[in-house]
Structure formats: structure tokens, C-alpha cells
Amino acid sequence: MTRIDIDIERLVLRGVPAELAEGIGPLIAERLSELATADRRGDEPPRWAAAPRRARPVTDREDLAAQVARSTWATARDRIREGAPR
């Protein structure tokens, strides 16, 4: 198993309103854990992990956490599969 360490406290979300970004780290960490668990078990990703059909503004913390987790997980997964340095 590959371990992915992300310093959530140092995450910078440019262009995101402060009220959405404030304290979002634990929620993003939870979403990443859900994705990693599903991947490890070979399960389908959680329903929230599906990308929206069309681009739309992020309006709440759940949407923001899902978007950041999807993007982070996709990048990490691609790097692991390509064997790039972690």
C-alpha cells in the first residue's frame, strides 16, 4: 500500500471565499480517506466523488471539500501509477 501524506493545514485555496475555506482541512482529509478506502478495497468511489456534469460555482463547504479531494486524489493516483517520485 502506498501512503500519501498531505499537509492539509498548509493548503492554499486561491479565489475561494474565506467563509468557505476556513477550517476545511479536516473535511478534505475525510473525503480523501473515503476515496483511498474505496480504491484500496476495489469499491466504486463515493457518490459525491463524481465530477459535476458541468462547471458550476462552489457554493458550500461540502462542494469545496469534494472538489479539492477529487483533484488531489486524481493527481496522487496518476503519480502513483506512473511511478513518479512522491
Protein backbone atom coordinates (compact mmCIF):
# COMPACT_ATOMS: atom_id res chain seq x y z
CA MET A 1 0.00 0.00 0.00
CA THR A 2 1.22 3.49 -0.81
CA ARG A 3 0.91 6.20 1.78
CA ILE A 4 0.05 9.72 0.67
CA ASP A 5 0.81 12.49 3.16
CA ILE A 6 -0.79 15.86 2.59
CA ASP A 7 -0.30 18.82 4.89
CA ILE A 8 -3.90 19.99 4.95
CA GLU A 9 -3.08 22.93 7.21
CA ARG A 10 -0.80 24.40 4.52
CA LEU A 11 -3.34 24.02 1.73
CA VAL A 12 -3.89 27.28 -0.15
CA LEU A 13 -7.21 27.75 -1.91
CA ARG A 14 -6.90 30.77 -4.18
CA GLY A 15 -10.07 32.56 -5.15
CA VAL A 16 -12.17 30.80 -2.50
CA PRO A 17 -14.16 32.96 -0.09
CA ALA A 18 -12.73 32.84 3.42
CA GLU A 19 -16.02 31.64 4.92
CA LEU A 20 -15.87 28.51 2.74
CA ALA A 21 -12.17 27.79 3.21
CA GLU A 22 -11.87 28.45 6.95
CA GLY A 23 -11.21 25.19 8.79
CA ILE A 24 -11.98 22.98 5.78
CA GLY A 25 -8.86 20.83 6.18
CA PRO A 26 -10.45 18.07 8.28
CA LEU A 27 -13.37 17.73 5.86
CA ILE A 28 -10.98 17.41 2.90
CA ALA A 29 -8.94 14.84 4.83
CA GLU A 30 -12.13 12.85 5.49
CA ARG A 31 -13.08 12.91 1.80
CA LEU A 32 -9.56 11.82 0.76
CA SER A 33 -9.75 8.96 3.25
CA GLU A 34 -13.07 7.84 1.73
CA LEU A 35 -11.53 7.85 -1.75
CA ALA A 36 -8.44 5.96 -0.62
CA THR A 37 -10.51 3.35 1.21
CA ALA A 38 -12.76 2.74 -1.80
CA ASP A 39 -9.72 2.47 -4.08
CA ARG A 40 -7.91 0.07 -1.75
CA ARG A 41 -10.98 -2.17 -1.48
CA GLY A 42 -11.71 -2.00 -5.19
CA ASP A 43 -15.10 -0.42 -4.49
CA GLU A 44 -16.82 2.25 -6.53
CA PRO A 45 -15.92 5.76 -5.40
CA PRO A 46 -18.45 7.51 -3.17
CA ARG A 47 -21.32 9.21 -4.97
CA TRP A 48 -20.04 12.71 -4.12
CA ALA A 49 -16.77 11.91 -5.93
CA ALA A 50 -18.40 12.03 -9.36
CA ALA A 51 -17.45 15.22 -11.16
CA PRO A 52 -20.38 17.51 -11.87
CA ARG A 53 -21.74 17.31 -15.41
CA ARG A 54 -21.00 20.96 -15.99
CA ALA A 55 -18.86 23.51 -14.28
CA ARG A 56 -20.66 25.45 -11.62
CA PRO A 57 -19.57 27.70 -8.79
CA VAL A 58 -18.79 26.10 -5.46
CA THR A 59 -21.39 27.31 -3.00
CA ASP A 60 -20.82 25.32 0.18
CA ARG A 61 -18.14 23.56 2.18
CA GLU A 62 -19.23 20.07 1.10
CA ASP A 63 -18.86 21.01 -2.58
CA LEU A 64 -15.49 22.64 -1.93
CA ALA A 65 -14.16 19.64 0.02
CA ALA A 66 -15.36 17.25 -2.69
CA GLN A 67 -13.75 19.31 -5.44
CA VAL A 68 -10.39 19.58 -3.65
CA ALA A 69 -10.43 15.88 -2.72
CA ARG A 70 -11.27 14.80 -6.30
CA SER A 71 -8.48 16.90 -7.75
CA THR A 72 -5.91 15.88 -5.13
CA TRP A 73 -6.79 12.19 -5.40
CA ALA A 74 -6.63 12.21 -9.20
CA THR A 75 -3.18 13.81 -9.15
CA ALA A 76 -1.85 11.46 -6.48
CA ARG A 77 -3.32 8.37 -8.16
CA ASP A 78 -1.81 9.33 -11.52
CA ARG A 79 1.62 9.89 -9.96
CA ILE A 80 1.49 6.55 -8.16
CA ARG A 81 0.51 4.71 -11.34
CA GLU A 82 3.24 6.43 -13.35
CA GLY A 83 5.82 5.66 -10.70
CA ALA A 84 6.73 9.32 -10.31
CA PRO A 85 8.57 10.39 -7.17
CA ARG A 86 6.25 11.14 -4.28
